[in-house]
Amino acid sequence: MCLGIPGKVIELFEVNGMKMAKIDFSGVVKEACMEYLPEIKVGDYTLIHVGFGLSILDEKEALETMQLLNQIAAME
């Protein structure tokens, strides 16, 4: 089973011609490739899997998913 994690795009930039972004995962910032999402913009939420943005999420859906993941983490 694969797990995609929602995060908020806080910066867009290019590396060697590839569209990249800094993604905020509830306070943890990581870089991810946005080549699959040419229409993504700063402030959008996206689903990240193994360093690639796979889809754009609406804010409500992203926040609900992050809340569920935090609840799962708290159970451990």
Foldseek 3Di string as FASTA:
>chain_A
DFAWAKWFFADWDDDPRWIKTWTQLPNDTDMATENCPPPDDHGWMFTDTPRYTDDTDDPVVNVVVSVVVVVVVVVD
